[in-house]
N, C-alpha and C. Protein backbone atom coordinates (compact mmCIF):
# COMPACT_ATOMS: atom_id res chain seq x y z
N MET A 1 -0.90 -6.58 22.97
CA MET A 1 -0.51 -5.56 22.04
C MET A 1 0.25 -6.16 20.84
N THR A 2 1.11 -7.10 21.15
CA THR A 2 1.87 -7.76 20.09
C THR A 2 0.92 -8.47 19.13
N LEU A 3 -0.09 -9.10 19.69
CA LEU A 3 -1.07 -9.80 18.85
C LEU A 3 -1.77 -8.82 17.91
N GLU A 4 -2.10 -7.65 18.40
CA GLU A 4 -2.83 -6.67 17.60
C GLU A 4 -1.96 -6.09 16.49
N PHE A 5 -0.70 -5.78 16.78
CA PHE A 5 0.15 -5.11 15.80
C PHE A 5 0.98 -6.04 14.94
N VAL A 6 1.11 -7.29 15.36
CA VAL A 6 1.90 -8.23 14.58
C VAL A 6 1.06 -9.45 14.17
N GLY A 7 0.40 -10.06 15.12
CA GLY A 7 -0.33 -11.29 14.86
C GLY A 7 -1.45 -11.13 13.85
N ARG A 8 -2.31 -10.14 14.03
CA ARG A 8 -3.42 -9.94 13.09
C ARG A 8 -2.93 -9.58 11.68
N PRO A 9 -1.99 -8.64 11.55
CA PRO A 9 -1.50 -8.35 10.19
C PRO A 9 -0.82 -9.56 9.52
N LEU A 10 -0.10 -10.37 10.30
CA LEU A 10 0.51 -11.57 9.72
C LEU A 10 -0.57 -12.54 9.25
N ARG A 11 -1.61 -12.72 10.07
CA ARG A 11 -2.72 -13.59 9.67
C ARG A 11 -3.39 -13.05 8.42
N LYS A 12 -3.52 -11.72 8.36
CA LYS A 12 -4.13 -11.08 7.20
C LYS A 12 -3.28 -11.35 5.94
N PHE A 13 -1.96 -11.26 6.06
CA PHE A 13 -1.09 -11.52 4.92
C PHE A 13 -1.25 -12.96 4.44
N TYR A 14 -1.21 -13.92 5.36
CA TYR A 14 -1.31 -15.31 4.93
C TYR A 14 -2.68 -15.64 4.36
N ASP A 15 -3.73 -14.99 4.87
CA ASP A 15 -5.05 -15.15 4.27
C ASP A 15 -5.07 -14.57 2.86
N LEU A 16 -4.48 -13.39 2.69
CA LEU A 16 -4.40 -12.75 1.38
C LEU A 16 -3.53 -13.58 0.43
N HIS A 17 -2.47 -14.16 0.94
CA HIS A 17 -1.59 -15.03 0.14
C HIS A 17 -2.40 -16.20 -0.41
N GLY A 18 -3.17 -16.85 0.43
CA GLY A 18 -4.00 -17.97 -0.01
C GLY A 18 -5.07 -17.53 -1.00
N GLU A 19 -5.70 -16.39 -0.73
CA GLU A 19 -6.71 -15.85 -1.63
C GLU A 19 -6.10 -15.51 -2.99
N THR A 20 -4.89 -14.99 -2.99
CA THR A 20 -4.19 -14.65 -4.24
C THR A 20 -3.96 -15.91 -5.08
N ILE A 21 -3.49 -16.95 -4.45
CA ILE A 21 -3.27 -18.21 -5.19
C ILE A 21 -4.59 -18.70 -5.77
N TYR A 22 -5.63 -18.72 -4.94
CA TYR A 22 -6.94 -19.19 -5.37
C TYR A 22 -7.46 -18.40 -6.56
N ARG A 23 -7.40 -17.07 -6.46
CA ARG A 23 -7.94 -16.22 -7.53
C ARG A 23 -7.09 -16.30 -8.80
N LEU A 24 -5.77 -16.35 -8.67
CA LEU A 24 -4.92 -16.42 -9.86
C LEU A 24 -5.10 -17.73 -10.61
N VAL A 25 -5.35 -18.81 -9.88
CA VAL A 25 -5.64 -20.08 -10.55
C VAL A 25 -6.96 -19.97 -11.31
N ASN A 26 -7.94 -19.30 -10.71
CA ASN A 26 -9.25 -19.14 -11.36
C ASN A 26 -9.17 -18.33 -12.66
N VAL A 27 -8.29 -17.35 -12.72
CA VAL A 27 -8.23 -16.48 -13.91
C VAL A 27 -7.08 -16.85 -14.85
N ALA A 28 -6.38 -17.93 -14.56
CA ALA A 28 -5.19 -18.28 -15.34
C ALA A 28 -5.49 -18.57 -16.81
N ASN A 29 -6.64 -19.12 -17.11
CA ASN A 29 -6.92 -19.53 -18.48
C ASN A 29 -7.94 -18.64 -19.18
N VAL A 30 -8.09 -17.42 -18.72
CA VAL A 30 -8.99 -16.48 -19.38
C VAL A 30 -8.37 -16.09 -20.71
N ARG A 31 -9.17 -16.12 -21.76
CA ARG A 31 -8.65 -15.81 -23.10
C ARG A 31 -8.40 -14.31 -23.23
N SER A 32 -7.34 -13.98 -23.93
CA SER A 32 -7.01 -12.59 -24.20
C SER A 32 -7.54 -12.19 -25.57
N ILE A 33 -7.54 -10.90 -25.84
CA ILE A 33 -8.05 -10.40 -27.11
C ILE A 33 -7.05 -10.65 -28.23
N THR A 34 -5.76 -10.53 -27.92
CA THR A 34 -4.74 -10.77 -28.93
C THR A 34 -3.83 -11.90 -28.49
N ASP A 35 -3.24 -12.57 -29.46
CA ASP A 35 -2.34 -13.68 -29.20
C ASP A 35 -1.24 -13.65 -30.26
N PRO A 36 0.03 -13.56 -29.86
CA PRO A 36 1.12 -13.47 -30.84
C PRO A 36 1.26 -14.72 -31.70
N THR A 37 0.68 -15.83 -31.30
CA THR A 37 0.76 -17.04 -32.12
C THR A 37 -0.22 -17.00 -33.29
N GLU A 38 -1.16 -16.06 -33.24
CA GLU A 38 -2.15 -15.93 -34.31
C GLU A 38 -1.84 -14.65 -35.09
N GLN A 39 -0.95 -14.74 -36.07
CA GLN A 39 -0.53 -13.56 -36.82
C GLN A 39 -1.07 -13.61 -38.24
N SER A 40 -1.32 -12.42 -38.77
CA SER A 40 -1.77 -12.31 -40.16
C SER A 40 -0.55 -12.47 -41.08
N PRO A 41 -0.77 -12.66 -42.39
CA PRO A 41 0.36 -12.80 -43.32
C PRO A 41 1.30 -11.59 -43.30
N SER A 42 0.80 -10.41 -42.92
CA SER A 42 1.65 -9.22 -42.88
C SER A 42 2.49 -9.15 -41.61
N GLY A 43 2.29 -10.12 -40.70
CA GLY A 43 3.09 -10.15 -39.48
C GLY A 43 2.43 -9.47 -38.29
N GLU A 44 1.26 -8.89 -38.48
CA GLU A 44 0.56 -8.23 -37.39
C GLU A 44 -0.21 -9.27 -36.56
N THR A 45 -0.33 -8.99 -35.28
CA THR A 45 -1.06 -9.88 -34.40
C THR A 45 -2.55 -9.72 -34.65
N ASN A 46 -3.21 -10.83 -34.86
CA ASN A 46 -4.66 -10.80 -35.08
C ASN A 46 -5.39 -10.65 -33.75
N GLN A 47 -6.50 -9.94 -33.81
CA GLN A 47 -7.34 -9.84 -32.64
C GLN A 47 -8.40 -10.92 -32.71
N ARG A 48 -8.59 -11.59 -31.60
CA ARG A 48 -9.61 -12.62 -31.52
C ARG A 48 -10.98 -11.97 -31.36
N ARG A 49 -11.96 -12.64 -31.87
CA ARG A 49 -13.34 -12.21 -31.62
C ARG A 49 -13.83 -13.04 -30.43
N LEU A 50 -13.87 -12.40 -29.29
CA LEU A 50 -14.32 -13.10 -28.09
C LEU A 50 -15.83 -12.97 -27.97
N SER A 51 -16.43 -14.01 -27.47
CA SER A 51 -17.87 -13.98 -27.23
C SER A 51 -18.14 -13.01 -26.07
N PRO A 52 -19.37 -12.56 -25.93
CA PRO A 52 -19.70 -11.68 -24.80
C PRO A 52 -19.35 -12.32 -23.45
N LYS A 53 -19.54 -13.62 -23.35
CA LYS A 53 -19.21 -14.33 -22.11
C LYS A 53 -17.70 -14.30 -21.85
N GLU A 54 -16.90 -14.50 -22.92
CA GLU A 54 -15.44 -14.46 -22.78
C GLU A 54 -14.96 -13.05 -22.44
N LEU A 55 -15.57 -12.03 -23.05
CA LEU A 55 -15.21 -10.64 -22.72
C LEU A 55 -15.54 -10.32 -21.27
N GLU A 56 -16.67 -10.80 -20.80
CA GLU A 56 -17.05 -10.58 -19.40
C GLU A 56 -16.07 -11.28 -18.46
N ALA A 57 -15.66 -12.50 -18.82
CA ALA A 57 -14.69 -13.23 -18.01
C ALA A 57 -13.35 -12.49 -17.97
N LEU A 58 -12.93 -11.93 -19.09
CA LEU A 58 -11.69 -11.16 -19.15
C LEU A 58 -11.78 -9.92 -18.27
N GLU A 59 -12.89 -9.19 -18.37
CA GLU A 59 -13.08 -8.00 -17.54
C GLU A 59 -13.10 -8.36 -16.05
N ASP A 60 -13.76 -9.45 -15.70
CA ASP A 60 -13.78 -9.90 -14.31
C ASP A 60 -12.39 -10.29 -13.83
N ALA A 61 -11.63 -10.94 -14.68
CA ALA A 61 -10.27 -11.35 -14.32
C ALA A 61 -9.40 -10.12 -14.07
N ILE A 62 -9.52 -9.13 -14.91
CA ILE A 62 -8.74 -7.90 -14.74
C ILE A 62 -9.10 -7.23 -13.42
N LYS A 63 -10.39 -7.14 -13.12
CA LYS A 63 -10.84 -6.54 -11.86
C LYS A 63 -10.37 -7.34 -10.65
N THR A 64 -10.42 -8.65 -10.76
CA THR A 64 -10.00 -9.52 -9.66
C THR A 64 -8.52 -9.33 -9.35
N VAL A 65 -7.70 -9.35 -10.39
CA VAL A 65 -6.25 -9.20 -10.18
C VAL A 65 -5.93 -7.81 -9.65
N ARG A 66 -6.61 -6.80 -10.17
CA ARG A 66 -6.38 -5.43 -9.68
C ARG A 66 -6.79 -5.29 -8.21
N ASP A 67 -7.89 -5.94 -7.82
CA ASP A 67 -8.32 -5.90 -6.43
C ASP A 67 -7.30 -6.58 -5.52
N LEU A 68 -6.79 -7.74 -5.93
CA LEU A 68 -5.75 -8.42 -5.16
C LEU A 68 -4.51 -7.54 -5.02
N ALA A 69 -4.16 -6.87 -6.12
CA ALA A 69 -2.99 -5.99 -6.10
C ALA A 69 -3.19 -4.85 -5.10
N SER A 70 -4.37 -4.27 -5.08
CA SER A 70 -4.61 -3.16 -4.16
C SER A 70 -4.60 -3.62 -2.70
N GLN A 71 -5.12 -4.82 -2.44
CA GLN A 71 -5.07 -5.34 -1.07
C GLN A 71 -3.63 -5.62 -0.64
N MET A 72 -2.85 -6.19 -1.56
CA MET A 72 -1.45 -6.49 -1.24
C MET A 72 -0.66 -5.19 -1.05
N ARG A 73 -0.94 -4.20 -1.89
CA ARG A 73 -0.27 -2.90 -1.78
C ARG A 73 -0.62 -2.23 -0.45
N ALA A 74 -1.89 -2.32 -0.04
CA ALA A 74 -2.30 -1.75 1.24
C ALA A 74 -1.56 -2.40 2.39
N PHE A 75 -1.40 -3.71 2.34
CA PHE A 75 -0.63 -4.40 3.37
C PHE A 75 0.82 -3.92 3.36
N ALA A 76 1.42 -3.86 2.19
CA ALA A 76 2.83 -3.50 2.08
C ALA A 76 3.11 -2.09 2.57
N PHE A 77 2.18 -1.17 2.37
CA PHE A 77 2.41 0.22 2.76
C PHE A 77 1.88 0.57 4.13
N ASN A 78 1.07 -0.31 4.73
CA ASN A 78 0.41 0.05 5.98
C ASN A 78 0.89 -0.75 7.19
N GLU A 79 1.28 -1.98 6.99
CA GLU A 79 1.64 -2.87 8.10
C GLU A 79 3.16 -3.00 8.21
N THR A 80 3.81 -1.97 8.71
CA THR A 80 5.27 -1.88 8.70
C THR A 80 5.95 -3.02 9.44
N LEU A 81 5.55 -3.27 10.66
CA LEU A 81 6.22 -4.30 11.45
C LEU A 81 5.97 -5.69 10.87
N ALA A 82 4.73 -5.96 10.53
CA ALA A 82 4.40 -7.26 9.93
C ALA A 82 5.11 -7.42 8.57
N LEU A 83 5.23 -6.33 7.83
CA LEU A 83 5.93 -6.38 6.54
C LEU A 83 7.38 -6.81 6.72
N HIS A 84 8.05 -6.29 7.72
CA HIS A 84 9.45 -6.69 7.96
C HIS A 84 9.54 -8.18 8.29
N ILE A 85 8.60 -8.69 9.04
CA ILE A 85 8.61 -10.11 9.38
C ILE A 85 8.35 -10.95 8.14
N VAL A 86 7.37 -10.56 7.35
CA VAL A 86 7.04 -11.29 6.13
C VAL A 86 8.22 -11.27 5.17
N CYS A 87 8.86 -10.13 5.03
CA CYS A 87 10.04 -10.03 4.15
C CYS A 87 11.18 -10.88 4.67
N TRP A 88 11.32 -10.97 5.98
CA TRP A 88 12.35 -11.80 6.58
C TRP A 88 12.16 -13.26 6.18
N PHE A 89 10.90 -13.68 5.99
CA PHE A 89 10.61 -15.04 5.55
C PHE A 89 10.71 -15.20 4.04
N GLY A 90 11.09 -14.15 3.33
CA GLY A 90 11.34 -14.26 1.89
C GLY A 90 10.21 -13.82 0.99
N TYR A 91 9.14 -13.28 1.54
CA TYR A 91 8.03 -12.77 0.72
C TYR A 91 8.28 -11.30 0.41
N ASP A 92 7.74 -10.82 -0.68
CA ASP A 92 7.88 -9.42 -1.05
C ASP A 92 6.52 -8.88 -1.52
N PRO A 93 5.67 -8.47 -0.57
CA PRO A 93 4.33 -7.99 -0.93
C PRO A 93 4.32 -6.79 -1.86
N GLU A 94 5.28 -5.89 -1.71
CA GLU A 94 5.31 -4.70 -2.58
C GLU A 94 5.62 -5.10 -4.03
N LYS A 95 6.57 -5.98 -4.21
CA LYS A 95 6.90 -6.46 -5.57
C LYS A 95 5.73 -7.26 -6.14
N ALA A 96 5.07 -8.05 -5.30
CA ALA A 96 3.91 -8.82 -5.75
C ALA A 96 2.79 -7.91 -6.20
N SER A 97 2.53 -6.85 -5.45
CA SER A 97 1.45 -5.94 -5.83
C SER A 97 1.77 -5.23 -7.14
N ALA A 98 3.02 -4.83 -7.32
CA ALA A 98 3.41 -4.19 -8.58
C ALA A 98 3.25 -5.15 -9.76
N ALA A 99 3.63 -6.41 -9.55
CA ALA A 99 3.50 -7.41 -10.62
C ALA A 99 2.03 -7.70 -10.92
N MET A 100 1.19 -7.70 -9.89
CA MET A 100 -0.25 -7.94 -10.12
C MET A 100 -0.88 -6.78 -10.87
N ILE A 101 -0.45 -5.56 -10.58
CA ILE A 101 -0.95 -4.41 -11.35
C ILE A 101 -0.51 -4.55 -12.80
N GLY A 102 0.74 -4.92 -13.01
CA GLY A 102 1.23 -5.15 -14.38
C GLY A 102 0.47 -6.26 -15.08
N LEU A 103 0.18 -7.34 -14.35
CA LEU A 103 -0.58 -8.44 -14.94
C LEU A 103 -1.98 -7.99 -15.32
N SER A 104 -2.62 -7.22 -14.46
CA SER A 104 -3.97 -6.76 -14.79
C SER A 104 -3.96 -5.85 -16.02
N ASN A 105 -2.89 -5.10 -16.20
CA ASN A 105 -2.79 -4.22 -17.36
C ASN A 105 -2.49 -4.97 -18.66
N THR A 106 -1.97 -6.19 -18.56
CA THR A 106 -1.59 -6.94 -19.76
C THR A 106 -2.47 -8.16 -20.02
N MET A 107 -3.53 -8.31 -19.28
CA MET A 107 -4.36 -9.51 -19.44
C MET A 107 -5.09 -9.55 -20.78
N ALA A 108 -5.37 -8.42 -21.37
CA ALA A 108 -6.07 -8.40 -22.65
C ALA A 108 -5.18 -8.83 -23.81
N THR A 109 -3.87 -8.76 -23.64
CA THR A 109 -2.93 -9.13 -24.68
C THR A 109 -1.99 -10.19 -24.14
N TYR A 110 -1.95 -11.32 -24.78
CA TYR A 110 -1.03 -12.37 -24.34
C TYR A 110 0.32 -12.12 -24.97
N ASN A 111 1.31 -11.80 -24.13
CA ASN A 111 2.65 -11.53 -24.63
C ASN A 111 3.68 -11.87 -23.56
N ALA A 112 4.93 -11.64 -23.86
CA ALA A 112 6.01 -11.98 -22.92
C ALA A 112 5.91 -11.17 -21.64
N GLU A 113 5.44 -9.95 -21.72
CA GLU A 113 5.32 -9.10 -20.53
C GLU A 113 4.36 -9.73 -19.52
N ARG A 114 3.30 -10.30 -20.01
CA ARG A 114 2.32 -10.97 -19.14
C ARG A 114 2.99 -12.14 -18.40
N VAL A 115 3.81 -12.89 -19.10
CA VAL A 115 4.52 -14.01 -18.50
C VAL A 115 5.50 -13.51 -17.43
N VAL A 116 6.18 -12.41 -17.71
CA VAL A 116 7.12 -11.84 -16.74
C VAL A 116 6.40 -11.45 -15.46
N HIS A 117 5.23 -10.85 -15.58
CA HIS A 117 4.47 -10.46 -14.39
C HIS A 117 4.04 -11.68 -13.58
N ARG A 118 3.60 -12.73 -14.26
CA ARG A 118 3.21 -13.95 -13.55
C ARG A 118 4.40 -14.55 -12.80
N GLU A 119 5.56 -14.57 -13.45
CA GLU A 119 6.76 -15.10 -12.79
C GLU A 119 7.18 -14.23 -11.60
N SER A 120 7.03 -12.92 -11.73
CA SER A 120 7.36 -12.02 -10.62
C SER A 120 6.45 -12.26 -9.42
N ILE A 121 5.18 -12.50 -9.69
CA ILE A 121 4.24 -12.80 -8.60
C ILE A 121 4.64 -14.10 -7.92
N LYS A 122 4.95 -15.11 -8.73
CA LYS A 122 5.36 -16.40 -8.17
C LYS A 122 6.59 -16.25 -7.29
N THR A 123 7.56 -15.48 -7.73
CA THR A 123 8.78 -15.29 -6.97
C THR A 123 8.52 -14.49 -5.68
N ALA A 124 7.79 -13.40 -5.81
CA ALA A 124 7.54 -12.51 -4.67
C ALA A 124 6.71 -13.17 -3.58
N LEU A 125 5.82 -14.08 -3.97
CA LEU A 125 4.95 -14.73 -2.99
C LEU A 125 5.32 -16.19 -2.74
N LYS A 126 6.45 -16.62 -3.32
CA LYS A 126 6.95 -17.98 -3.14
C LYS A 126 5.87 -19.00 -3.49
N ILE A 127 5.27 -18.83 -4.66
CA ILE A 127 4.25 -19.75 -5.16
C ILE A 127 4.94 -20.69 -6.14
N ARG A 128 4.74 -21.97 -5.98
CA ARG A 128 5.40 -22.92 -6.88
C ARG A 128 4.83 -22.88 -8.28
N GLN A 129 3.50 -22.93 -8.40
CA GLN A 129 2.87 -23.00 -9.71
C GLN A 129 1.43 -22.52 -9.59
N PHE A 130 0.93 -21.81 -10.62
CA PHE A 130 -0.46 -21.40 -10.63
C PHE A 130 -1.35 -22.53 -11.11
N VAL A 131 -0.96 -23.12 -12.22
CA VAL A 131 -1.81 -24.14 -12.84
C VAL A 131 -0.98 -25.39 -13.09
């Protein structure tokens, strides 16, 4: 019984943790539509013209991060006993899922908020570095 209610959910979390690292590394360098370093003379942020391939990669990255967030959120809200154990080890799946949702919402625009979400994910999941 312990294996079913604790062991499997813990294994699921660590598998999801590894998958999260893998997927975030894959989408780390996807180009955004806007970049604050590329400003017009009037001070407005210029929008990049992304190729269809780059737009598709951006859309896929957003979907990937949102999917990871939903899986992490499902773990955080459904696996109560395993969640307490994971939190005891210093992980915070609920905070990680919120940060991943925020990251997916800001992937089209490169700004400080996007960096904050990435740092929150790193802290919540105890990840040293994405790239």
